[in-house]
C-alpha atoms as a PDB file:
ATOM      1  CA  MET A   1      38.490  52.127 -81.170  1.00  0.00           C
ATOM      2  CA  LEU A   2      36.574  55.405 -80.916  1.00  0.00           C
ATOM      3  CA  ASP A   3      34.272  54.341 -83.769  1.00  0.00           C
ATOM      4  CA  ALA A   4      33.370  51.151 -81.909  1.00  0.00           C
ATOM      5  CA  LEU A   5      32.606  53.133 -78.752  1.00  0.00           C
ATOM      6  CA  GLU A   6      30.378  55.552 -80.671  1.00  0.00           C
ATOM      7  CA  ALA A   7      28.593  52.644 -82.375  1.00  0.00           C
ATOM      8  CA  GLY A   8      28.027  51.004 -79.004  1.00  0.00           C
ATOM      9  CA  MET A   9      26.627  54.232 -77.592  1.00  0.00           C
ATOM     10  CA  ARG A  10      24.212  54.529 -80.545  1.00  0.00           C
ATOM     11  CA  VAL A  11      23.024  50.958 -80.008  1.00  0.00           C
ATOM     12  CA  ALA A  12      22.572  51.592 -76.275  1.00  0.00           C
ATOM     13  CA  ALA A  13      20.571  54.763 -76.974  1.00  0.00           C
ATOM     14  CA  LYS A  14      18.348  52.888 -79.439  1.00  0.00           C
ATOM     15  CA  LEU A  15      17.711  50.105 -76.907  1.00  0.00           C
ATOM     16  CA  GLU A  16      16.871  52.668 -74.224  1.00  0.00           C
ATOM     17  CA  ARG A  17      14.301  54.321 -76.517  1.00  0.00           C
ATOM     18  CA  ARG A  18      12.737  50.948 -77.275  1.00  0.00           C
ATOM     19  CA  SER A  19      12.611  50.096 -73.591  1.00  0.00           C
ATOM     20  CA  GLY A  20      10.797  53.338 -72.820  1.00  0.00           C
ATOM     21  CA  THR A  21       8.318  52.626 -75.591  1.00  0.00           C
ATOM     22  CA  PHE A  22       7.755  49.098 -74.321  1.00  0.00           C
ATOM     23  CA  GLU A  23       7.177  50.316 -70.756  1.00  0.00           C
ATOM     24  CA  THR A  24       4.683  52.925 -71.977  1.00  0.00           C
ATOM     25  CA  ARG A  25       2.776  50.346 -74.014  1.00  0.00           C
ATOM     26  CA  TRP A  26       2.839  47.850 -71.128  1.00  0.00           C
ATOM     27  CA  ARG A  27       1.384  50.453 -68.753  1.00  0.00           C
ATOM     28  CA  GLN A  28      -1.352  51.287 -71.293  1.00  0.00           C
ATOM     29  CA  VAL A  29      -2.296  47.611 -71.600  1.00  0.00           C
ATOM     30  CA  LEU A  30      -2.393  47.169 -67.829  1.00  0.00           C
ATOM     31  CA  GLU A  31      -4.530  50.251 -67.296  1.00  0.00           C
ATOM     32  CA  ALA A  32      -6.990  49.209 -70.024  1.00  0.00           C
ATOM     33  CA  ALA A  33      -7.390  45.696 -68.615  1.00  0.00           C
ATOM     34  CA  GLN A  34     -10.721  44.730 -67.091  1.00  0.00           C
ATOM     35  CA  GLU A  35      -8.926  42.445 -64.633  1.00  0.00           C
ATOM     36  CA  ALA A  36      -7.013  43.508 -61.560  1.00  0.00           C
ATOM     37  CA  TYR A  37      -3.220  43.331 -61.905  1.00  0.00           C
ATOM     38  CA  VAL A  38      -0.992  43.262 -58.839  1.00  0.00           C
ATOM     39  CA  ALA A  39       2.767  42.735 -58.973  1.00  0.00           C
ATOM     40  CA  VAL A  40       4.531  41.605 -55.823  1.00  0.00           C
ATOM     41  CA  ASP A  41       8.195  41.054 -55.163  1.00  0.00           C
ATOM     42  CA  ALA A  42       9.751  37.827 -53.851  1.00  0.00           C
ATOM     43  CA  SER A  43       8.804  38.712 -50.265  1.00  0.00           C
ATOM     44  CA  GLY A  44       5.150  39.374 -51.141  1.00  0.00           C
ATOM     45  CA  VAL A  45       5.324  43.183 -51.027  1.00  0.00           C
ATOM     46  CA  VAL A  46       3.188  45.006 -53.606  1.00  0.00           C
ATOM     47  CA  VAL A  47       5.326  46.817 -56.202  1.00  0.00           C
ATOM     48  CA  ASP A  48       2.624  47.758 -58.736  1.00  0.00           C
ATOM     49  CA  GLY A  49      -1.054  47.526 -59.554  1.00  0.00           C
ATOM     50  CA  ASN A  50      -3.519  48.848 -62.100  1.00  0.00           C
ATOM     51  CA  ARG A  51      -6.691  50.956 -62.015  1.00  0.00           C
ATOM     52  CA  ARG A  52      -8.899  47.865 -61.662  1.00  0.00           C
ATOM     53  CA  THR A  53      -6.963  46.782 -58.576  1.00  0.00           C
ATOM     54  CA  GLU A  54      -7.630  50.190 -57.022  1.00  0.00           C
ATOM     55  CA  GLU A  55     -11.353  49.823 -57.751  1.00  0.00           C
ATOM     56  CA  LEU A  56     -11.514  46.239 -56.476  1.00  0.00           C
ATOM     57  CA  PHE A  57      -9.636  46.727 -53.199  1.00  0.00           C
ATOM     58  CA  GLY A  58     -10.554  50.357 -52.562  1.00  0.00           C
ATOM     59  CA  TRP A  59      -6.996  51.617 -52.077  1.00  0.00           C
ATOM     60  CA  SER A  60      -4.905  53.746 -54.411  1.00  0.00           C
ATOM     61  CA  ARG A  61      -1.782  52.313 -56.022  1.00  0.00           C
ATOM     62  CA  GLU A  62       0.302  54.639 -53.869  1.00  0.00           C
ATOM     63  CA  GLU A  63      -1.354  53.260 -50.727  1.00  0.00           C
ATOM     64  CA  MET A  64      -0.778  49.620 -51.735  1.00  0.00           C
ATOM     65  CA  VAL A  65       2.798  49.838 -53.027  1.00  0.00           C
ATOM     66  CA  GLY A  66       5.313  48.955 -50.340  1.00  0.00           C
ATOM     67  CA  ARG A  67       2.829  46.955 -48.259  1.00  0.00           C
ATOM     68  CA  ARG A  68       2.317  43.252 -47.780  1.00  0.00           C
ATOM     69  CA  PRO A  69      -1.418  42.528 -47.890  1.00  0.00           C
ATOM     70  CA  PRO A  70      -2.783  40.443 -44.988  1.00  0.00           C
ATOM     71  CA  SER A  71      -5.291  38.802 -47.330  1.00  0.00           C
ATOM     72  CA  TRP A  72      -6.413  39.108 -50.922  1.00  0.00           C
ATOM     73  CA  SER A  73     -10.065  38.863 -49.954  1.00  0.00           C
ATOM     74  CA  ARG A  74     -12.050  41.812 -48.736  1.00  0.00           C
ATOM     75  CA  SER A  75     -14.568  41.212 -45.971  1.00  0.00           C
ATOM     76  CA  GLY A  76     -17.740  43.250 -45.805  1.00  0.00           C
ATOM     77  CA  THR A  77     -18.372  46.283 -47.937  1.00  0.00           C
ATOM     78  CA  GLY A  78     -16.586  49.555 -48.394  1.00  0.00           C
ATOM     79  CA  ARG A  79     -12.962  50.316 -47.809  1.00  0.00           C
ATOM     80  CA  GLY A  80     -10.963  47.797 -45.829  1.00  0.00           C
ATOM     81  CA  SER A  81      -8.447  48.696 -43.163  1.00  0.00           C
ATOM     82  CA  LEU A  82      -5.247  49.906 -44.789  1.00  0.00           C
ATOM     83  CA  ALA A  83      -3.646  49.860 -41.324  1.00  0.00           C
ATOM     84  CA  ALA A  84      -3.708  46.054 -41.576  1.00  0.00           C
ATOM     85  CA  TRP A  85      -1.259  46.302 -44.497  1.00  0.00           C
ATOM     86  CA  PRO A  86       2.157  46.493 -42.779  1.00  0.00           C
ATOM     87  CA  ARG A  87       4.913  48.541 -44.396  1.00  0.00           C
ATOM     88  CA  ARG A  88       8.172  46.798 -45.279  1.00  0.00           C
END
């Protein structure tokens, strides 16, 4: 019984290491992309974005995460009104 538990723990540790590697690689791909990437949850709240999204919309990832954008288009030039992005 103890051997099975130890084997299970080794498998779980191996999967955790792989997951961390996958997440690191995924983040590298997203950051290298020339296209904007925005992830939103089921209610439309931003949960992630990449460097290109920051450049395109003019807000940092930290400023966008946790907000529901009023529109995905930016009117005029320069930085839009972050106040228009309501917090959850």
